[in-house]
Amino acid sequence: MTIRVVIAGGGTGGHLFPAIALAKELEKLDMDIEITFVGSQQGLESRIIPKEGWNLKTILTAGIMGKKGLQRWTSLCKLPLGILQSTCFLLQKRPDLVVGVGGYASGPLALSAWALRIPILIHEQNSIPGMTNRWLGKIADKVAVSFKESSAYFPGDKVVTTGNMIREEFCIPRETAPARRKDKFCILVLGGSQGAHSINMAMVSALEKLGEEKEKIHIIHQTGEKDFAEIRERYTAEGFATADVRPFIDDIEACCRSASLVICRAGATTLAEITACGKMSILVPFPYAAHNHQEKNARLLESANAAEMILDSELTGEKLALSIKNAMEDETHLEEVETNSYRLGNREATQNVRKICMELIKKTNVQMRENQVSKKDEMSCF
């Protein structure tokens, strides 16, 4: 019998890559399993999911929070259409389980699944859940959270602390994983899947202060599409022509492993991947994140001496260059922070969520068999 699982969400890498991790973990099971993703045409999933070999169903959907005027009305008009599309898709697919991982598509699909009495699992990546997941938590069968602090926002009988799902390649034990680059101090600069303008500009501004260390440094920089051309030109102009500058990094695990220092936002998935590898990081929380959750995420690592935090409003090239130099000069401190970071990593999170998925699927199949037996007994009475 084929088990069908639908995973809804995406938009950004922070939502999409945990979903991909779960899909791959489910496919490792010794059973016939069919996985379909639901997302939006505009999201990162439209490019990544087909390349990974899974089917992607796109629906009309858009965010409502933070929108005003015409944009808000446009988003509201898309919602019922997205729900209708989701309902029709689920009636056709008849999945055994729907998993919502966040992103605009999660809401309409989870609501449709609830109406059709299909089991729902919600996964919350951040320490403070958004309004959509708080609401979906009321109708979901189970809620998996990455941070213990998130549990208070959901019904106690539904919530399970699992950690944030990350791809299998990040879960290799430190003892057997490839070591960081030794010949040069490797710096990985990330701004999320779409890049971060403030980090991009601060990093190229820092290059002038790092001129004396130029031969000792190798930089890998994910800029996002918008800033790519400008940032690449700035590296060349500052004499860092050998820097590996890309709009998007596909082999992120290999780049992270080789790095001695990661400069990035503080999204939950990024932090889960960094700590799984045990990397020192300079975290620049996105200042407009809902409920300021990225700053709260970053402070959890900073308080454990597993990262340094610089607020976006205080980020300058000079300050960033100083932090980079300090990390380069103090090997003992670097190793201490790496150890603390690795200790915080949860490399079993994806397996934990997979177990919940299988429990819900098993429970559904048992109920279906009981219903079939009950109907047969009713028929035998006539």
Protein backbone atom coordinates (compact mmCIF):
# COMPACT_ATOMS: atom_id res chain seq x y z
CA MET A 1 0.00 0.00 0.00
CA THR A 2 1.34 3.42 -0.96
CA ILE A 3 1.60 5.95 1.86
CA ARG A 4 1.01 9.49 0.64
CA VAL A 5 2.46 12.50 2.47
CA VAL A 6 1.91 16.11 1.45
CA ILE A 7 4.37 18.72 2.75
CA ALA A 8 3.20 22.32 2.55
CA GLY A 9 5.25 25.48 2.89
CA GLY A 10 8.37 27.18 1.65
CA GLY A 11 8.91 30.63 0.25
CA THR A 12 12.34 30.94 1.86
CA GLY A 13 15.11 28.48 2.60
CA GLY A 14 14.30 28.64 6.32
CA HIS A 15 10.99 26.91 5.66
CA LEU A 16 11.92 24.88 2.60
CA PHE A 17 15.11 23.10 3.65
CA PRO A 18 13.62 21.55 6.82
CA ALA A 19 10.84 20.22 4.57
CA ILE A 20 13.39 18.71 2.21
CA ALA A 21 15.21 17.14 5.16
CA LEU A 22 11.97 15.49 6.31
CA ALA A 23 11.12 14.24 2.83
CA LYS A 24 14.51 12.56 2.47
CA GLU A 25 14.24 11.05 5.94
CA LEU A 26 10.81 9.59 5.15
CA GLU A 27 12.06 8.13 1.89
CA LYS A 28 14.74 6.20 3.78
CA LEU A 29 11.99 4.06 5.34
CA ASP A 30 11.48 0.59 3.95
CA MET A 31 8.03 1.23 2.53
CA ASP A 32 6.23 2.53 -0.54
CA ILE A 33 5.94 6.26 0.12
CA GLU A 34 4.88 9.09 -2.19
CA ILE A 35 5.75 12.66 -1.23
CA THR A 36 4.29 15.77 -2.83
CA PHE A 37 5.12 19.38 -2.00
CA VAL A 38 2.67 22.27 -2.03
CA GLY A 39 3.99 25.81 -2.34
CA SER A 40 3.78 28.99 -4.37
CA GLN A 41 5.06 29.80 -7.83
CA GLN A 42 7.06 32.74 -6.47
CA GLY A 43 8.81 30.85 -3.67
CA LEU A 44 12.22 29.19 -3.66
CA GLU A 45 10.45 25.82 -3.84
CA SER A 46 9.47 26.39 -7.49
CA ARG A 47 13.16 26.14 -8.40
CA ILE A 48 14.48 23.67 -5.82
CA ILE A 49 11.77 20.98 -5.53
CA PRO A 50 11.59 19.91 -9.21
CA LYS A 51 15.40 19.73 -9.26
CA GLU A 52 15.28 17.42 -6.23
CA GLY A 53 12.89 15.11 -8.11
CA TRP A 54 9.62 15.65 -6.22
CA ASN A 55 6.28 16.84 -7.56
CA LEU A 56 5.27 20.38 -6.64
CA LYS A 57 1.68 21.62 -6.60
CA THR A 58 1.49 25.43 -6.58
CA ILE A 59 -1.45 27.37 -5.18
CA LEU A 60 -2.43 31.03 -5.02
CA THR A 61 -1.29 32.38 -1.70
CA ALA A 62 0.31 35.45 -0.15
CA GLY A 63 1.18 36.82 3.26
CA ILE A 64 -1.26 39.07 5.12
CA MET A 65 0.74 40.17 8.15
CA GLY A 66 2.43 43.53 7.62
CA LYS A 67 0.51 44.26 4.42
CA LYS A 68 -1.58 47.41 4.08
CA GLY A 69 -4.07 48.90 1.65
CA LEU A 70 -4.34 47.27 -1.77
CA GLN A 71 -1.64 44.68 -1.01
CA ARG A 72 -3.60 43.45 1.99
CA TRP A 73 -6.85 43.17 0.03
CA THR A 74 -5.06 41.33 -2.77
CA SER A 75 -3.65 38.84 -0.27
CA LEU A 76 -7.05 38.36 1.35
CA CYS A 77 -8.64 37.65 -2.04
CA LYS A 78 -6.04 34.98 -2.75
CA LEU A 79 -6.79 33.13 0.50
CA PRO A 80 -10.18 31.57 -0.43
CA LEU A 81 -8.82 30.67 -3.87
CA GLY A 82 -5.84 28.97 -2.24
CA ILE A 83 -8.14 27.06 0.10
CA LEU A 84 -10.28 25.93 -2.86
CA GLN A 85 -7.21 24.80 -4.79
CA SER A 86 -5.91 22.97 -1.70
CA THR A 87 -9.24 21.22 -1.11
CA CYS A 88 -9.48 20.02 -4.71
CA PHE A 89 -5.88 18.79 -4.61
CA LEU A 90 -6.36 16.88 -1.34
CA LEU A 91 -9.59 15.29 -2.57
CA GLN A 92 -7.67 14.03 -5.58
CA LYS A 93 -4.49 12.99 -3.74
CA ARG A 94 -6.12 11.59 -0.54
CA PRO A 95 -2.91 11.73 1.53
CA ASP A 96 -2.37 9.88 4.80
CA LEU A 97 -0.74 12.96 6.36
CA VAL A 98 -0.30 16.69 5.73
CA VAL A 99 2.79 18.40 7.18
CA GLY A 100 2.96 22.20 7.42
CA VAL A 101 6.46 23.64 7.73
CA GLY A 102 5.63 27.35 7.57
CA GLY A 103 5.37 29.70 4.65
CA TYR A 104 2.31 31.06 2.90
CA ALA A 105 1.09 27.71 1.53
CA SER A 106 0.87 26.02 4.95
CA GLY A 107 -2.25 27.88 6.05
CA PRO A 108 -4.66 27.08 3.18
CA LEU A 109 -3.52 23.48 2.91
CA ALA A 110 -3.71 22.73 6.64
CA LEU A 111 -7.17 24.30 6.85
CA SER A 112 -8.36 22.18 3.92
CA ALA A 113 -6.86 19.05 5.50
CA TRP A 114 -8.68 19.79 8.76
CA ALA A 115 -12.01 20.14 6.90
CA LEU A 116 -11.37 16.80 5.17
CA ARG A 117 -10.27 15.14 8.44
CA ILE A 118 -6.78 14.39 7.20
CA PRO A 119 -4.15 14.22 9.99
CA ILE A 120 -2.01 17.37 10.32
CA LEU A 121 1.46 17.88 11.73
CA ILE A 122 2.77 21.43 12.12
CA HIS A 123 6.49 22.15 12.49
CA GLU A 124 7.52 25.46 14.08
CA GLN A 125 11.13 26.51 13.53
CA ASN A 126 11.35 29.71 15.59
CA SER A 127 11.42 30.41 19.31
CA ILE A 128 8.34 32.64 18.93
CA PRO A 129 5.72 31.18 16.55
CA GLY A 130 4.01 33.35 13.97
CA MET A 131 0.26 33.94 14.08
CA THR A 132 -0.47 31.39 11.34
CA ASN A 133 1.17 28.50 13.17
CA ARG A 134 -0.34 29.55 16.49
CA TRP A 135 -3.77 29.31 14.92
CA LEU A 136 -3.00 26.09 13.02
CA GLY A 137 -1.75 24.55 16.26
CA LYS A 138 -5.33 24.53 17.50
CA ILE A 139 -6.51 22.29 14.66
CA ALA A 140 -3.36 20.22 14.10
CA ASP A 141 -3.04 16.71 15.51
CA LYS A 142 0.55 17.32 16.59
CA VAL A 143 2.90 20.32 16.75
CA ALA A 144 6.68 19.79 16.59
CA VAL A 145 8.73 22.73 17.88
CA SER A 146 12.42 23.50 17.54
CA PHE A 147 12.77 25.42 20.81
CA LYS A 148 11.38 24.43 24.19
CA GLU A 149 10.32 28.07 24.64
CA SER A 150 7.79 27.65 21.79
CA SER A 151 5.78 25.02 23.67
CA ALA A 152 3.86 27.60 25.70
CA TYR A 153 2.13 28.86 22.53
CA PHE A 154 0.49 25.51 21.71
CA PRO A 155 -1.86 23.01 23.42
CA GLY A 156 0.20 20.96 25.87
CA ASP A 157 -1.21 17.61 24.74
CA LYS A 158 -0.19 18.24 21.13
CA VAL A 159 3.25 19.81 21.34
CA VAL A 160 6.56 17.89 21.12
CA THR A 161 10.03 19.48 21.28
CA THR A 162 11.99 17.89 18.43
CA GLY A 163 14.58 20.47 17.37
CA ASN A 164 14.75 22.02 13.91
CA MET A 165 14.94 19.65 10.99
CA ILE A 166 18.14 19.87 8.96
CA ARG A 167 19.45 18.00 5.96
CA GLU A 168 21.27 14.73 6.59
CA GLU A 169 24.63 16.03 5.37
CA PHE A 170 24.73 18.49 8.29
CA CYS A 171 24.24 15.68 10.81
CA ILE A 172 27.58 13.91 10.31
CA PRO A 173 29.32 13.57 13.71
CA ARG A 174 32.16 16.01 14.24
CA GLU A 175 34.69 13.19 14.56
CA THR A 176 34.06 11.91 11.02
CA ALA A 177 32.99 15.10 9.22
CA PRO A 178 35.38 17.04 6.95
CA ALA A 179 37.44 19.51 8.98
CA ARG A 180 37.50 23.27 8.42
CA ARG A 181 40.04 24.63 6.00
CA LYS A 182 43.51 24.91 7.54
CA ASP A 183 45.59 26.73 4.94
CA LYS A 184 43.42 29.87 5.10
CA PHE A 185 40.88 31.36 7.48
CA CYS A 186 37.64 30.66 5.61
CA ILE A 187 34.73 33.05 6.11
CA LEU A 188 31.23 32.09 4.93
CA VAL A 189 28.88 35.06 4.50
CA LEU A 190 25.16 34.36 4.22
CA GLY A 191 22.04 36.48 4.15
CA GLY A 192 19.47 33.74 3.76
CA SER A 193 18.36 32.37 0.41
CA GLN A 194 17.55 35.88 -0.86
CA GLY A 195 20.64 37.58 0.55
CA ALA A 196 20.82 40.43 3.08
CA HIS A 197 21.71 43.89 1.79
CA SER A 198 23.02 45.24 5.11
CA ILE A 199 25.33 42.25 5.60
CA ASN A 200 26.48 42.46 1.98
CA MET A 201 27.40 46.13 2.27
CA ALA A 202 29.03 45.79 5.68
CA MET A 203 31.15 42.88 4.46
CA VAL A 204 32.54 44.71 1.42
CA SER A 205 33.10 47.77 3.61
CA ALA A 206 35.12 45.55 5.98
CA LEU A 207 37.45 44.46 3.16
CA GLU A 208 39.41 47.71 3.35
CA LYS A 209 40.20 47.00 7.04
CA LEU A 210 41.20 43.42 6.20
CA GLY A 211 43.77 44.31 3.54
CA GLU A 212 46.75 43.15 5.61
CA GLU A 213 45.12 39.75 6.16
CA LYS A 214 44.18 39.37 2.49
CA GLU A 215 46.51 36.44 1.84
CA LYS A 216 45.36 34.61 4.95
CA ILE A 217 41.62 34.79 4.18
CA HIS A 218 39.28 32.97 1.81
CA ILE A 219 35.74 34.35 1.60
CA ILE A 220 32.63 32.54 0.34
CA HIS A 221 29.76 35.02 0.00
CA GLN A 222 26.12 34.31 -0.87
CA THR A 223 24.73 37.67 -1.94
CA GLY A 224 21.25 36.97 -3.30
CA GLU A 225 20.35 37.92 -6.87
CA LYS A 226 19.81 41.67 -6.36
CA ASP A 227 23.25 42.53 -4.95
CA PHE A 228 25.32 39.93 -6.78
CA ALA A 229 26.86 42.04 -9.56
CA GLU A 230 27.66 45.00 -7.31
CA ILE A 231 29.18 42.89 -4.53
CA ARG A 232 31.31 40.88 -6.95
CA GLU A 233 32.69 44.11 -8.42
CA ARG A 234 33.47 45.47 -4.94
CA TYR A 235 35.49 42.35 -4.05
CA THR A 236 37.54 42.76 -7.22
CA ALA A 237 38.05 46.48 -6.60
CA GLU A 238 39.31 45.81 -3.07
CA GLY A 239 41.80 43.22 -4.27
CA PHE A 240 39.84 40.14 -3.15
CA ALA A 241 39.32 38.83 -6.68
CA THR A 242 39.71 35.20 -5.56
CA ALA A 243 36.69 35.44 -3.25
CA ASP A 244 33.94 32.94 -4.11
CA VAL A 245 30.94 35.25 -4.65
CA ARG A 246 27.65 33.67 -5.68
CA PRO A 247 23.98 34.71 -5.76
CA PHE A 248 23.00 31.35 -4.22
CA ILE A 249 25.05 28.51 -2.78
CA ASP A 250 23.86 25.01 -3.69
CA ASP A 251 26.64 23.12 -1.86
CA ILE A 252 26.03 24.95 1.41
CA GLU A 253 27.05 22.02 3.62
CA ALA A 254 30.51 21.74 2.06
CA CYS A 255 31.00 25.50 2.34
CA CYS A 256 29.90 25.49 5.97
CA ARG A 257 32.25 22.62 6.83
CA SER A 258 35.23 24.43 5.35
CA ALA A 259 34.48 27.68 7.19
CA SER A 260 36.15 28.89 10.36
CA LEU A 261 33.59 31.68 10.76
CA VAL A 262 30.03 32.14 9.50
CA ILE A 263 28.50 35.63 9.20
CA CYS A 264 24.75 35.38 8.77
CA ARG A 265 21.18 36.17 9.84
CA ALA A 266 19.71 34.33 12.81
CA GLY A 267 16.90 32.35 11.23
CA ALA A 268 16.17 29.10 13.05
CA THR A 269 17.18 26.81 10.18
CA THR A 270 20.48 28.62 9.63
CA LEU A 271 21.28 28.36 13.33
CA ALA A 272 20.35 24.67 13.39
CA GLU A 273 22.76 23.98 10.53
CA ILE A 274 25.57 26.05 12.06
CA THR A 275 25.31 24.35 15.45
CA ALA A 276 25.00 20.90 13.90
CA CYS A 277 28.40 21.53 12.29
CA GLY A 278 29.76 23.28 15.39
CA LYS A 279 30.74 26.59 13.79
CA MET A 280 31.60 29.95 15.28
CA SER A 281 29.28 32.63 13.94
CA ILE A 282 28.64 36.36 13.90
CA LEU A 283 24.86 36.71 13.92
CA VAL A 284 23.10 39.77 12.52
CA PRO A 285 19.38 39.26 13.25
CA PHE A 286 16.91 40.47 10.64
CA PRO A 287 15.38 43.49 12.40
CA TYR A 288 11.92 43.13 10.82
CA ALA A 289 11.34 39.46 11.66
CA ALA A 290 7.94 38.78 13.22
CA HIS A 291 7.99 39.29 17.00
CA ASN A 292 11.73 40.01 16.68
CA HIS A 293 12.28 36.26 16.86
CA GLN A 294 15.68 36.35 15.11
CA GLU A 295 17.19 38.51 17.84
CA LYS A 296 15.80 36.12 20.46
CA ASN A 297 17.24 33.17 18.51
CA ALA A 298 20.65 34.90 18.39
CA ARG A 299 20.66 35.77 22.08
CA LEU A 300 20.14 32.10 22.97
CA LEU A 301 23.43 31.27 21.20
CA GLU A 302 25.26 34.33 22.47
CA SER A 303 24.33 33.54 26.09
CA ALA A 304 25.83 30.06 25.63
CA ASN A 305 29.09 31.56 24.29
CA ALA A 306 28.35 29.83 20.99
CA ALA A 307 28.15 32.96 18.80
CA GLU A 308 28.63 36.73 18.69
CA MET A 309 25.67 38.98 17.91
CA ILE A 310 25.74 42.36 16.17
CA LEU A 311 22.41 44.15 15.79
CA ASP A 312 21.62 45.24 12.25
CA SER A 313 21.34 48.87 13.39
CA GLU A 314 24.89 48.68 14.79
CA LEU A 315 26.47 46.78 11.89
CA THR A 316 29.39 48.56 10.22
CA GLY A 317 32.31 47.45 8.14
CA GLU A 318 34.71 48.54 10.86
CA LYS A 319 32.93 46.55 13.58
CA LEU A 320 32.66 43.48 11.37
CA ALA A 321 36.35 43.64 10.43
CA LEU A 322 37.31 43.86 14.11
CA SER A 323 35.24 40.77 14.97
CA ILE A 324 36.81 38.86 12.08
CA LYS A 325 40.33 39.81 13.20
CA ASN A 326 39.59 38.77 16.79
CA ALA A 327 38.38 35.36 15.58
CA MET A 328 41.49 34.93 13.44
CA GLU A 329 43.93 35.87 16.20
CA ASP A 330 42.52 33.80 19.09
CA GLU A 331 42.55 30.13 18.12
CA THR A 332 41.74 29.02 21.68
CA HIS A 333 38.59 31.15 21.79
CA LEU A 334 37.59 29.95 18.33
CA GLU A 335 37.82 26.31 19.39
CA GLU A 336 35.90 27.02 22.62
CA VAL A 337 33.04 28.66 20.70
CA GLU A 338 33.01 25.82 18.16
CA THR A 339 32.67 23.29 21.00
CA ASN A 340 29.81 25.24 22.57
CA SER A 341 28.10 25.58 19.21
CA TYR A 342 28.38 21.86 18.49
CA ARG A 343 26.98 21.06 21.93
CA LEU A 344 23.83 23.05 21.09
CA GLY A 345 23.33 21.22 17.78
CA ASN A 346 20.42 18.82 17.49
CA ARG A 347 21.37 16.25 14.88
CA GLU A 348 18.41 13.95 15.61
CA ALA A 349 15.67 16.50 14.99
CA THR A 350 14.63 15.22 11.57
CA GLN A 351 14.41 11.66 12.87
CA ASN A 352 12.30 12.89 15.79
CA VAL A 353 9.80 14.53 13.42
CA ARG A 354 9.77 11.45 11.18
CA LYS A 355 8.72 9.31 14.15
CA ILE A 356 5.77 11.62 14.83
CA CYS A 357 4.78 11.39 11.16
CA MET A 358 4.77 7.61 11.27
CA GLU A 359 2.77 7.56 14.52
CA LEU A 360 0.08 9.74 12.95
CA ILE A 361 0.02 7.65 9.76
CA LYS A 362 -0.24 4.42 11.76
CA LYS A 363 -3.04 5.84 13.89
CA THR A 364 -4.94 6.89 10.76
CA ASN A 365 -4.56 3.48 9.13
CA VAL A 366 -5.78 1.73 12.29
CA GLN A 367 -8.85 3.97 12.42
CA MET A 368 -9.57 3.29 8.74
CA ARG A 369 -9.41 -0.46 9.31
CA GLU A 370 -11.68 -0.17 12.34
CA ASN A 371 -14.18 1.84 10.31
CA GLN A 372 -14.12 -0.75 7.54
CA VAL A 373 -14.73 -3.56 10.03
CA SER A 374 -17.56 -1.57 11.63
CA LYS A 375 -19.22 -1.05 8.24
CA LYS A 376 -18.93 -4.76 7.43
CA ASP A 377 -20.56 -5.62 10.77
CA GLU A 378 -23.39 -3.21 10.04
CA MET A 379 -23.94 -4.77 6.64
CA SER A 380 -24.01 -8.28 8.11
CA CYS A 381 -26.99 -7.29 10.26
CA PHE A 382 -29.23 -6.95 7.18
